[in-house]
Amino acid sequence: MTTECGVGAWTSEKVVTPEMEDICLKVKSDIEKKARATFEIYIPLSFGTQIVAGKNHLVKVYIGVDKCVHAMITQALPCDGGKLTVTGVQHPKTASEPLIPFDD
């Protein structure tokens, strides 16, 4: 991910904010469906954001014993309802693996 944040560029990976934690909790069941797993432990750790016609978020979520899931979440613009959609999941990942944007 880049350190710049213009339209289309990804922000650098940063620690999860309360807003991003809320987004992750709202889409937990969608992430579990795409991963075909149920996560008893589910702790959002870090994320990056891409500004497009809305926002794309790439999130690393800790799911236990050095295992994580990487999830791509699209957030529509507020004027379009702000709907959250999980567009991709990579699972399992290790906690040390960096977030790298992907297409699912």
PDB file of N, CA and C in Angstrom:
ATOM      1  N   MET A   1       0.840  -1.181   0.000  1.00  0.00           N
ATOM      2  CA  MET A   1       0.000   0.000   0.000  1.00  0.00           C
ATOM      3  C   MET A   1       0.882   1.240   0.000  1.00  0.00           C
ATOM      4  N   THR A   2       0.358   2.318  -0.502  1.00  0.00           N
ATOM      5  CA  THR A   2       1.136   3.541  -0.580  1.00  0.00           C
ATOM      6  C   THR A   2       0.976   4.362   0.686  1.00  0.00           C
ATOM      7  N   THR A   3       1.782   5.409   0.790  1.00  0.00           N
ATOM      8  CA  THR A   3       1.643   6.313   1.930  1.00  0.00           C
ATOM      9  C   THR A   3       0.835   7.544   1.539  1.00  0.00           C
ATOM     10  N   GLU A   4       0.536   7.677   0.276  1.00  0.00           N
ATOM     11  CA  GLU A   4      -0.252   8.804  -0.207  1.00  0.00           C
ATOM     12  C   GLU A   4      -1.727   8.423  -0.163  1.00  0.00           C
ATOM     13  N   CYS A   5      -2.581   9.429  -0.163  1.00  0.00           N
ATOM     14  CA  CYS A   5      -4.011   9.112  -0.220  1.00  0.00           C
ATOM     15  C   CYS A   5      -4.714  10.095  -1.128  1.00  0.00           C
ATOM     16  N   GLY A   6      -4.631   9.849  -2.409  1.00  0.00           N
ATOM     17  CA  GLY A   6      -5.395  10.603  -3.386  1.00  0.00           C
ATOM     18  C   GLY A   6      -6.484   9.681  -3.887  1.00  0.00           C
ATOM     19  N   VAL A   7      -7.304  10.179  -4.789  1.00  0.00           N
ATOM     20  CA  VAL A   7      -8.362   9.342  -5.348  1.00  0.00           C
ATOM     21  C   VAL A   7      -7.703   8.161  -6.062  1.00  0.00           C
ATOM     22  N   GLY A   8      -8.126   6.959  -5.724  1.00  0.00           N
ATOM     23  CA  GLY A   8      -7.606   5.751  -6.342  1.00  0.00           C
ATOM     24  C   GLY A   8      -6.390   5.160  -5.659  1.00  0.00           C
ATOM     25  N   ALA A   9      -5.699   5.914  -4.811  1.00  0.00           N
ATOM     26  CA  ALA A   9      -4.510   5.410  -4.118  1.00  0.00           C
ATOM     27  C   ALA A   9      -4.913   4.812  -2.772  1.00  0.00           C
ATOM     28  N   TRP A  10      -4.178   3.798  -2.341  1.00  0.00           N
ATOM     29  CA  TRP A  10      -4.409   3.186  -1.036  1.00  0.00           C
ATOM     30  C   TRP A  10      -3.617   3.927   0.027  1.00  0.00           C
ATOM     31  N   THR A  11      -4.202   4.097   1.198  1.00  0.00           N
ATOM     32  CA  THR A  11      -3.467   4.658   2.331  1.00  0.00           C
ATOM     33  C   THR A  11      -2.492   3.595   2.827  1.00  0.00           C
ATOM     34  N   SER A  12      -1.547   4.014   3.646  1.00  0.00           N
ATOM     35  CA  SER A  12      -0.662   3.042   4.275  1.00  0.00           C
ATOM     36  C   SER A  12      -1.467   2.256   5.313  1.00  0.00           C
ATOM     37  N   GLU A  13      -0.974   1.087   5.662  1.00  0.00           N
ATOM     38  CA  GLU A  13      -1.630   0.257   6.671  1.00  0.00           C
ATOM     39  C   GLU A  13      -1.526   0.949   8.023  1.00  0.00           C
ATOM     40  N   LYS A  14      -2.650   1.058   8.714  1.00  0.00           N
ATOM     41  CA  LYS A  14      -2.652   1.725  10.022  1.00  0.00           C
ATOM     42  C   LYS A  14      -3.521   0.960  11.011  1.00  0.00           C
ATOM     43  N   VAL A  15      -3.360   1.291  12.282  1.00  0.00           N
ATOM     44  CA  VAL A  15      -4.112   0.636  13.352  1.00  0.00           C
ATOM     45  C   VAL A  15      -5.596   0.965  13.205  1.00  0.00           C
ATOM     46  N   VAL A  16      -6.416  -0.020  13.497  1.00  0.00           N
ATOM     47  CA  VAL A  16      -7.873   0.129  13.373  1.00  0.00           C
ATOM     48  C   VAL A  16      -8.395   1.256  14.269  1.00  0.00           C
ATOM     49  N   THR A  17      -9.274   2.056  13.700  1.00  0.00           N
ATOM     50  CA  THR A  17      -9.942   3.142  14.421  1.00  0.00           C
ATOM     51  C   THR A  17     -11.291   2.626  14.940  1.00  0.00           C
ATOM     52  N   PRO A  18     -11.919   3.340  15.870  1.00  0.00           N
ATOM     53  CA  PRO A  18     -13.257   2.910  16.323  1.00  0.00           C
ATOM     54  C   PRO A  18     -14.254   2.811  15.163  1.00  0.00           C
ATOM     55  N   GLU A  19     -14.184   3.726  14.204  1.00  0.00           N
ATOM     56  CA  GLU A  19     -15.089   3.676  13.047  1.00  0.00           C
ATOM     57  C   GLU A  19     -14.867   2.401  12.231  1.00  0.00           C
ATOM     58  N   MET A  20     -13.598   2.058  11.995  1.00  0.00           N
ATOM     59  CA  MET A  20     -13.306   0.855  11.215  1.00  0.00           C
ATOM     60  C   MET A  20     -13.674  -0.405  11.994  1.00  0.00           C
ATOM     61  N   GLU A  21     -13.482  -0.396  13.304  1.00  0.00           N
ATOM     62  CA  GLU A  21     -13.885  -1.539  14.126  1.00  0.00           C
ATOM     63  C   GLU A  21     -15.394  -1.761  14.007  1.00  0.00           C
ATOM     64  N   ASP A  22     -16.155  -0.681  14.019  1.00  0.00           N
ATOM     65  CA  ASP A  22     -17.605  -0.764  13.869  1.00  0.00           C
ATOM     66  C   ASP A  22     -17.979  -1.362  12.511  1.00  0.00           C
ATOM     67  N   ILE A  23     -17.309  -0.913  11.454  1.00  0.00           N
ATOM     68  CA  ILE A  23     -17.562  -1.451  10.111  1.00  0.00           C
ATOM     69  C   ILE A  23     -17.283  -2.956  10.098  1.00  0.00           C
ATOM     70  N   CYS A  24     -16.159  -3.360  10.674  1.00  0.00           N
ATOM     71  CA  CYS A  24     -15.793  -4.787  10.699  1.00  0.00           C
ATOM     72  C   CYS A  24     -16.822  -5.630  11.442  1.00  0.00           C
ATOM     73  N   LEU A  25     -17.319  -5.109  12.548  1.00  0.00           N
ATOM     74  CA  LEU A  25     -18.329  -5.848  13.313  1.00  0.00           C
ATOM     75  C   LEU A  25     -19.635  -5.982  12.538  1.00  0.00           C
ATOM     76  N   LYS A  26     -19.984  -4.943  11.783  1.00  0.00           N
ATOM     77  CA  LYS A  26     -21.222  -4.984  10.996  1.00  0.00           C
ATOM     78  C   LYS A  26     -21.176  -6.039   9.901  1.00  0.00           C
ATOM     79  N   VAL A  27     -19.990  -6.328   9.363  1.00  0.00           N
ATOM     80  CA  VAL A  27     -19.891  -7.276   8.247  1.00  0.00           C
ATOM     81  C   VAL A  27     -19.284  -8.623   8.655  1.00  0.00           C
ATOM     82  N   LYS A  28     -19.167  -8.884   9.960  1.00  0.00           N
ATOM     83  CA  LYS A  28     -18.552 -10.133  10.433  1.00  0.00           C
ATOM     84  C   LYS A  28     -19.214 -11.363   9.814  1.00  0.00           C
ATOM     85  N   SER A  29     -20.515 -11.426   9.825  1.00  0.00           N
ATOM     86  CA  SER A  29     -21.199 -12.620   9.291  1.00  0.00           C
ATOM     87  C   SER A  29     -20.939 -12.780   7.793  1.00  0.00           C
ATOM     88  N   ASP A  30     -20.826 -11.674   7.059  1.00  0.00           N
ATOM     89  CA  ASP A  30     -20.522 -11.748   5.619  1.00  0.00           C
ATOM     90  C   ASP A  30     -19.100 -12.263   5.393  1.00  0.00           C
ATOM     91  N   ILE A  31     -18.157 -11.817   6.240  1.00  0.00           N
ATOM     92  CA  ILE A  31     -16.777 -12.295   6.144  1.00  0.00           C
ATOM     93  C   ILE A  31     -16.723 -13.788   6.457  1.00  0.00           C
ATOM     94  N   GLU A  32     -17.442 -14.210   7.488  1.00  0.00           N
ATOM     95  CA  GLU A  32     -17.478 -15.631   7.841  1.00  0.00           C
ATOM     96  C   GLU A  32     -18.055 -16.467   6.702  1.00  0.00           C
ATOM     97  N   LYS A  33     -19.111 -15.987   6.057  1.00  0.00           N
ATOM     98  CA  LYS A  33     -19.707 -16.718   4.928  1.00  0.00           C
ATOM     99  C   LYS A  33     -18.701 -16.894   3.809  1.00  0.00           C
ATOM    100  N   LYS A  34     -18.002 -15.813   3.453  1.00  0.00           N
ATOM    101  CA  LYS A  34     -17.029 -15.896   2.354  1.00  0.00           C
ATOM    102  C   LYS A  34     -15.836 -16.770   2.726  1.00  0.00           C
ATOM    103  N   ALA A  35     -15.455 -16.788   3.999  1.00  0.00           N
ATOM    104  CA  ALA A  35     -14.326 -17.603   4.457  1.00  0.00           C
ATOM    105  C   ALA A  35     -14.748 -19.049   4.726  1.00  0.00           C
ATOM    106  N   ARG A  36     -16.064 -19.287   4.744  1.00  0.00           N
ATOM    107  CA  ARG A  36     -16.626 -20.602   5.071  1.00  0.00           C
ATOM    108  C   ARG A  36     -16.120 -21.090   6.426  1.00  0.00           C
ATOM    109  N   ALA A  37     -16.197 -20.160   7.400  1.00  0.00           N
ATOM    110  CA  ALA A  37     -15.717 -20.457   8.755  1.00  0.00           C
ATOM    111  C   ALA A  37     -16.471 -19.582   9.753  1.00  0.00           C
ATOM    112  N   THR A  38     -16.451 -19.997  11.013  1.00  0.00           N
ATOM    113  CA  THR A  38     -17.007 -19.194  12.096  1.00  0.00           C
ATOM    114  C   THR A  38     -15.851 -18.801  12.994  1.00  0.00           C
ATOM    115  N   PHE A  39     -15.769 -17.516  13.329  1.00  0.00           N
ATOM    116  CA  PHE A  39     -14.653 -17.014  14.121  1.00  0.00           C
ATOM    117  C   PHE A  39     -15.103 -16.683  15.539  1.00  0.00           C
ATOM    118  N   GLU A  40     -14.637 -17.479  16.505  1.00  0.00           N
ATOM    119  CA  GLU A  40     -14.947 -17.190  17.904  1.00  0.00           C
ATOM    120  C   GLU A  40     -14.179 -15.962  18.365  1.00  0.00           C
ATOM    121  N   ILE A  41     -12.932 -15.856  17.891  1.00  0.00           N
ATOM    122  CA  ILE A  41     -12.107 -14.665  18.152  1.00  0.00           C
ATOM    123  C   ILE A  41     -12.174 -13.829  16.881  1.00  0.00           C
ATOM    124  N   TYR A  42     -12.386 -12.521  17.024  1.00  0.00           N
ATOM    125  CA  TYR A  42     -12.545 -11.643  15.859  1.00  0.00           C
ATOM    126  C   TYR A  42     -12.138 -10.237  16.290  1.00  0.00           C
ATOM    127  N   ILE A  43     -10.861  -9.911  16.079  1.00  0.00           N
ATOM    128  CA  ILE A  43     -10.328  -8.630  16.532  1.00  0.00           C
ATOM    129  C   ILE A  43      -9.707  -7.884  15.355  1.00  0.00           C
ATOM    130  N   PRO A  44     -10.359  -6.842  14.848  1.00  0.00           N
ATOM    131  CA  PRO A  44      -9.775  -6.047  13.764  1.00  0.00           C
ATOM    132  C   PRO A  44      -8.458  -5.422  14.231  1.00  0.00           C
ATOM    133  N   LEU A  45      -7.396  -5.565  13.407  1.00  0.00           N
ATOM    134  CA  LEU A  45      -6.071  -5.088  13.787  1.00  0.00           C
ATOM    135  C   LEU A  45      -5.621  -3.855  13.001  1.00  0.00           C
ATOM    136  N   SER A  46      -5.710  -3.933  11.673  1.00  0.00           N
ATOM    137  CA  SER A  46      -5.192  -2.846  10.843  1.00  0.00           C
ATOM    138  C   SER A  46      -5.996  -2.758   9.553  1.00  0.00           C
ATOM    139  N   PHE A  47      -5.810  -1.638   8.845  1.00  0.00           N
ATOM    140  CA  PHE A  47      -6.566  -1.445   7.613  1.00  0.00           C
ATOM    141  C   PHE A  47      -5.902  -0.404   6.727  1.00  0.00           C
ATOM    142  N   GLY A  48      -6.312  -0.396   5.483  1.00  0.00           N
ATOM    143  CA  GLY A  48      -5.975   0.637   4.514  1.00  0.00           C
ATOM    144  C   GLY A  48      -7.250   0.994   3.785  1.00  0.00           C
ATOM    145  N   THR A  49      -7.284   2.196   3.224  1.00  0.00           N
ATOM    146  CA  THR A  49      -8.483   2.666   2.538  1.00  0.00           C
ATOM    147  C   THR A  49      -8.121   3.232   1.172  1.00  0.00           C
ATOM    148  N   GLN A  50      -9.003   3.016   0.217  1.00  0.00           N
ATOM    149  CA  GLN A  50      -8.872   3.572  -1.128  1.00  0.00           C
ATOM    150  C   GLN A  50     -10.128   4.396  -1.394  1.00  0.00           C
ATOM    151  N   ILE A  51      -9.932   5.661  -1.781  1.00  0.00           N
ATOM    152  CA  ILE A  51     -11.062   6.527  -2.111  1.00  0.00           C
ATOM    153  C   ILE A  51     -11.392   6.332  -3.587  1.00  0.00           C
ATOM    154  N   VAL A  52     -12.614   5.933  -3.841  1.00  0.00           N
ATOM    155  CA  VAL A  52     -13.135   5.766  -5.204  1.00  0.00           C
ATOM    156  C   VAL A  52     -14.509   6.428  -5.203  1.00  0.00           C
ATOM    157  N   ALA A  53     -15.466   5.908  -5.935  1.00  0.00           N
ATOM    158  CA  ALA A  53     -16.834   6.412  -5.839  1.00  0.00           C
ATOM    159  C   ALA A  53     -17.436   5.754  -4.603  1.00  0.00           C
ATOM    160  N   GLY A  54     -16.964   6.167  -3.450  1.00  0.00           N
ATOM    161  CA  GLY A  54     -17.210   5.542  -2.155  1.00  0.00           C
ATOM    162  C   GLY A  54     -15.845   5.225  -1.580  1.00  0.00           C
ATOM    163  N   LYS A  55     -15.739   4.161  -0.810  1.00  0.00           N
ATOM    164  CA  LYS A  55     -14.450   3.764  -0.240  1.00  0.00           C
ATOM    165  C   LYS A  55     -14.296   2.255  -0.313  1.00  0.00           C
ATOM    166  N   ASN A  56     -13.066   1.826  -0.539  1.00  0.00           N
ATOM    167  CA  ASN A  56     -12.702   0.423  -0.386  1.00  0.00           C
ATOM    168  C   ASN A  56     -11.834   0.343   0.856  1.00  0.00           C
ATOM    169  N   HIS A  57     -12.113  -0.625   1.704  1.00  0.00           N
ATOM    170  CA  HIS A  57     -11.319  -0.852   2.903  1.00  0.00           C
ATOM    171  C   HIS A  57     -10.726  -2.254   2.817  1.00  0.00           C
ATOM    172  N   LEU A  58      -9.451  -2.375   3.109  1.00  0.00           N
ATOM    173  CA  LEU A  58      -8.806  -3.671   3.209  1.00  0.00           C
ATOM    174  C   LEU A  58      -8.417  -3.827   4.671  1.00  0.00           C
ATOM    175  N   VAL A  59      -8.948  -4.857   5.313  1.00  0.00           N
ATOM    176  CA  VAL A  59      -8.825  -4.994   6.759  1.00  0.00           C
ATOM    177  C   VAL A  59      -8.176  -6.324   7.128  1.00  0.00           C
ATOM    178  N   LYS A  60      -7.304  -6.274   8.146  1.00  0.00           N
ATOM    179  CA  LYS A  60      -6.716  -7.486   8.724  1.00  0.00           C
ATOM    180  C   LYS A  60      -7.407  -7.724  10.065  1.00  0.00           C
ATOM    181  N   VAL A  61      -8.013  -8.909  10.202  1.00  0.00           N
ATOM    182  CA  VAL A  61      -8.735  -9.262  11.425  1.00  0.00           C
ATOM    183  C   VAL A  61      -8.091 -10.506  12.038  1.00  0.00           C
ATOM    184  N   TYR A  62      -7.702 -10.396  13.300  1.00  0.00           N
ATOM    185  CA  TYR A  62      -7.116 -11.515  14.037  1.00  0.00           C
ATOM    186  C   TYR A  62      -8.215 -12.496  14.414  1.00  0.00           C
ATOM    187  N   ILE A  63      -7.977 -13.788  14.100  1.00  0.00           N
ATOM    188  CA  ILE A  63      -8.990 -14.798  14.414  1.00  0.00           C
ATOM    189  C   ILE A  63      -8.440 -15.908  15.301  1.00  0.00           C
ATOM    190  N   GLY A  64      -7.217 -15.719  15.837  1.00  0.00           N
ATOM    191  CA  GLY A  64      -6.662 -16.650  16.811  1.00  0.00           C
ATOM    192  C   GLY A  64      -5.415 -17.375  16.368  1.00  0.00           C
ATOM    193  N   VAL A  65      -4.524 -17.633  17.314  1.00  0.00           N
ATOM    194  CA  VAL A  65      -3.292 -18.407  17.154  1.00  0.00           C
ATOM    195  C   VAL A  65      -2.544 -18.056  15.860  1.00  0.00           C
ATOM    196  N   ASP A  66      -2.091 -16.807  15.776  1.00  0.00           N
ATOM    197  CA  ASP A  66      -1.337 -16.294  14.624  1.00  0.00           C
ATOM    198  C   ASP A  66      -2.084 -16.463  13.307  1.00  0.00           C
ATOM    199  N   LYS A  67      -3.382 -16.477  13.342  1.00  0.00           N
ATOM    200  CA  LYS A  67      -4.177 -16.565  12.117  1.00  0.00           C
ATOM    201  C   LYS A  67      -5.015 -15.297  11.978  1.00  0.00           C
ATOM    202  N   CYS A  68      -5.102 -14.839  10.730  1.00  0.00           N
ATOM    203  CA  CYS A  68      -5.901 -13.657  10.411  1.00  0.00           C
ATOM    204  C   CYS A  68      -6.705 -13.920   9.149  1.00  0.00           C
ATOM    205  N   VAL A  69      -7.642 -13.054   8.922  1.00  0.00           N
ATOM    206  CA  VAL A  69      -8.373 -13.019   7.669  1.00  0.00           C
ATOM    207  C   VAL A  69      -8.187 -11.614   7.115  1.00  0.00           C
ATOM    208  N   HIS A  70      -7.970 -11.505   5.807  1.00  0.00           N
ATOM    209  CA  HIS A  70      -7.921 -10.212   5.135  1.00  0.00           C
ATOM    210  C   HIS A  70      -9.238 -10.059   4.386  1.00  0.00           C
ATOM    211  N   ALA A  71      -9.899  -8.938   4.583  1.00  0.00           N
ATOM    212  CA  ALA A  71     -11.207  -8.734   3.956  1.00  0.00           C
ATOM    213  C   ALA A  71     -11.241  -7.418   3.199  1.00  0.00           C
ATOM    214  N   MET A  72     -11.804  -7.459   1.997  1.00  0.00           N
ATOM    215  CA  MET A  72     -12.010  -6.269   1.190  1.00  0.00           C
ATOM    216  C   MET A  72     -13.474  -5.866   1.376  1.00  0.00           C
ATOM    217  N   ILE A  73     -13.689  -4.636   1.853  1.00  0.00           N
ATOM    218  CA  ILE A  73     -15.036  -4.141   2.142  1.00  0.00           C
ATOM    219  C   ILE A  73     -15.260  -2.866   1.341  1.00  0.00           C
ATOM    220  N   THR A  74     -16.332  -2.821   0.571  1.00  0.00           N
ATOM    221  CA  THR A  74     -16.706  -1.632  -0.185  1.00  0.00           C
ATOM    222  C   THR A  74     -17.775  -0.884   0.602  1.00  0.00           C
ATOM    223  N   GLN A  75     -17.588   0.433   0.708  1.00  0.00           N
ATOM    224  CA  GLN A  75     -18.546   1.287   1.408  1.00  0.00           C
ATOM    225  C   GLN A  75     -19.074   2.315   0.412  1.00  0.00           C
ATOM    226  N   ALA A  76     -20.374   2.252   0.138  1.00  0.00           N
ATOM    227  CA  ALA A  76     -20.994   3.204  -0.789  1.00  0.00           C
ATOM    228  C   ALA A  76     -20.993   4.601  -0.175  1.00  0.00           C
ATOM    229  N   LEU A  77     -21.108   5.606  -1.026  1.00  0.00           N
ATOM    230  CA  LEU A  77     -21.198   6.988  -0.556  1.00  0.00           C
ATOM    231  C   LEU A  77     -22.438   7.171   0.311  1.00  0.00           C
ATOM    232  N   PRO A  78     -22.393   8.092   1.283  1.00  0.00           N
ATOM    233  CA  PRO A  78     -23.575   8.350   2.115  1.00  0.00           C
ATOM    234  C   PRO A  78     -24.812   8.688   1.282  1.00  0.00           C
ATOM    235  N   CYS A  79     -24.629   9.428   0.188  1.00  0.00           N
ATOM    236  CA  CYS A  79     -25.776   9.788  -0.650  1.00  0.00           C
ATOM    237  C   CYS A  79     -26.367   8.575  -1.370  1.00  0.00           C
ATOM    238  N   ASP A  80     -25.596   7.490  -1.428  1.00  0.00           N
ATOM    239  CA  ASP A  80     -26.061   6.237  -2.022  1.00  0.00           C
ATOM    240  C   ASP A  80     -26.440   5.213  -0.956  1.00  0.00           C
ATOM    241  N   GLY A  81     -26.571   5.659   0.294  1.00  0.00           N
ATOM    242  CA  GLY A  81     -27.000   4.787   1.374  1.00  0.00           C
ATOM    243  C   GLY A  81     -25.886   4.254   2.259  1.00  0.00           C
ATOM    244  N   GLY A  82     -24.629   4.416   1.849  1.00  0.00           N
ATOM    245  CA  GLY A  82     -23.507   3.980   2.676  1.00  0.00           C
ATOM    246  C   GLY A  82     -23.408   2.481   2.888  1.00  0.00           C
ATOM    247  N   LYS A  83     -24.057   1.684   2.032  1.00  0.00           N
ATOM    248  CA  LYS A  83     -24.093   0.225   2.195  1.00  0.00           C
ATOM    249  C   LYS A  83     -22.678  -0.366   2.233  1.00  0.00           C
ATOM    250  N   LEU A  84     -22.483  -1.346   3.113  1.00  0.00           N
ATOM    251  CA  LEU A  84     -21.217  -2.072   3.240  1.00  0.00           C
ATOM    252  C   LEU A  84     -21.346  -3.425   2.549  1.00  0.00           C
ATOM    253  N   THR A  85     -20.359  -3.757   1.695  1.00  0.00           N
ATOM    254  CA  THR A  85     -20.369  -5.020   0.982  1.00  0.00           C
ATOM    255  C   THR A  85     -18.993  -5.656   1.076  1.00  0.00           C
ATOM    256  N   VAL A  86     -18.945  -6.907   1.521  1.00  0.00           N
ATOM    257  CA  VAL A  86     -17.680  -7.646   1.543  1.00  0.00           C
ATOM    258  C   VAL A  86     -17.475  -8.210   0.138  1.00  0.00           C
ATOM    259  N   THR A  87     -16.437  -7.728  -0.532  1.00  0.00           N
ATOM    260  CA  THR A  87     -16.209  -8.134  -1.923  1.00  0.00           C
ATOM    261  C   THR A  87     -15.155  -9.227  -2.061  1.00  0.00           C
ATOM    262  N   GLY A  88     -14.390  -9.469  -1.004  1.00  0.00           N
ATOM    263  CA  GLY A  88     -13.388 -10.521  -1.076  1.00  0.00           C
ATOM    264  C   GLY A  88     -12.807 -10.836   0.281  1.00  0.00           C
ATOM    265  N   VAL A  89     -12.337 -12.082   0.424  1.00  0.00           N
ATOM    266  CA  VAL A  89     -11.723 -12.538   1.673  1.00  0.00           C
ATOM    267  C   VAL A  89     -10.544 -13.437   1.328  1.00  0.00           C
ATOM    268  N   GLN A  90      -9.447 -13.242   2.045  1.00  0.00           N
ATOM    269  CA  GLN A  90      -8.312 -14.150   1.957  1.00  0.00           C
ATOM    270  C   GLN A  90      -8.130 -14.767   3.344  1.00  0.00           C
ATOM    271  N   HIS A  91      -8.158 -16.117   3.373  1.00  0.00           N
ATOM    272  CA  HIS A  91      -8.150 -16.821   4.655  1.00  0.00           C
ATOM    273  C   HIS A  91      -7.611 -18.216   4.444  1.00  0.00           C
ATOM    274  N   PRO A  92      -6.716 -18.713   5.266  1.00  0.00           N
ATOM    275  CA  PRO A  92      -6.098 -18.039   6.407  1.00  0.00           C
ATOM    276  C   PRO A  92      -4.849 -17.261   5.994  1.00  0.00           C
ATOM    277  N   LYS A  93      -4.532 -16.268   6.766  1.00  0.00           N
ATOM    278  CA  LYS A  93      -3.321 -15.465   6.639  1.00  0.00           C
ATOM    279  C   LYS A  93      -2.637 -15.485   8.001  1.00  0.00           C
ATOM    280  N   THR A  94      -1.342 -15.196   8.039  1.00  0.00           N
ATOM    281  CA  THR A  94      -0.670 -15.078   9.328  1.00  0.00           C
ATOM    282  C   THR A  94      -0.733 -13.627   9.774  1.00  0.00           C
ATOM    283  N   ALA A  95      -0.535 -13.402  11.058  1.00  0.00           N
ATOM    284  CA  ALA A  95      -0.584 -12.040  11.601  1.00  0.00           C
ATOM    285  C   ALA A  95       0.524 -11.165  11.025  1.00  0.00           C
ATOM    286  N   SER A  96       1.622 -11.757  10.584  1.00  0.00           N
ATOM    287  CA  SER A  96       2.740 -10.970  10.067  1.00  0.00           C
ATOM    288  C   SER A  96       2.607 -10.624   8.586  1.00  0.00           C
ATOM    289  N   GLU A  97       1.671 -11.234   7.879  1.00  0.00           N
ATOM    290  CA  GLU A  97       1.517 -10.943   6.447  1.00  0.00           C
ATOM    291  C   GLU A  97       0.946  -9.538   6.250  1.00  0.00           C
ATOM    292  N   PRO A  98       1.572  -8.754   5.354  1.00  0.00           N
ATOM    293  CA  PRO A  98       1.083  -7.398   5.114  1.00  0.00           C
ATOM    294  C   PRO A  98      -0.228  -7.407   4.321  1.00  0.00           C
ATOM    295  N   LEU A  99      -0.968  -6.337   4.452  1.00  0.00           N
ATOM    296  CA  LEU A  99      -2.174  -6.169   3.660  1.00  0.00           C
ATOM    297  C   LEU A  99      -1.769  -5.768   2.244  1.00  0.00           C
ATOM    298  N   ILE A 100      -2.212  -6.518   1.280  1.00  0.00           N
ATOM    299  CA  ILE A 100      -1.944  -6.208  -0.127  1.00  0.00           C
ATOM    300  C   ILE A 100      -3.285  -6.264  -0.855  1.00  0.00           C
ATOM    301  N   PRO A 101      -3.687  -5.163  -1.509  1.00  0.00           N
ATOM    302  CA  PRO A 101      -4.977  -5.164  -2.224  1.00  0.00           C
ATOM    303  C   PRO A 101      -5.076  -6.354  -3.186  1.00  0.00           C
ATOM    304  N   PHE A 102      -6.260  -6.930  -3.269  1.00  0.00           N
ATOM    305  CA  PHE A 102      -6.484  -8.093  -4.112  1.00  0.00           C
ATOM    306  C   PHE A 102      -7.862  -8.022  -4.733  1.00  0.00           C
ATOM    307  N   ASP A 103      -8.030  -8.790  -5.806  1.00  0.00           N
ATOM    308  CA  ASP A 103      -9.337  -8.989  -6.434  1.00  0.00           C
ATOM    309  C   ASP A 103      -9.754 -10.413  -6.115  1.00  0.00           C
ATOM    310  N   ASP A 104     -10.995 -10.591  -5.738  1.00  0.00           N
ATOM    311  CA  ASP A 104     -11.447 -11.936  -5.380  1.00  0.00           C
ATOM    312  C   ASP A 104     -12.349 -12.497  -6.436  1.00  0.00           C
TER     313      ASP A 104
END
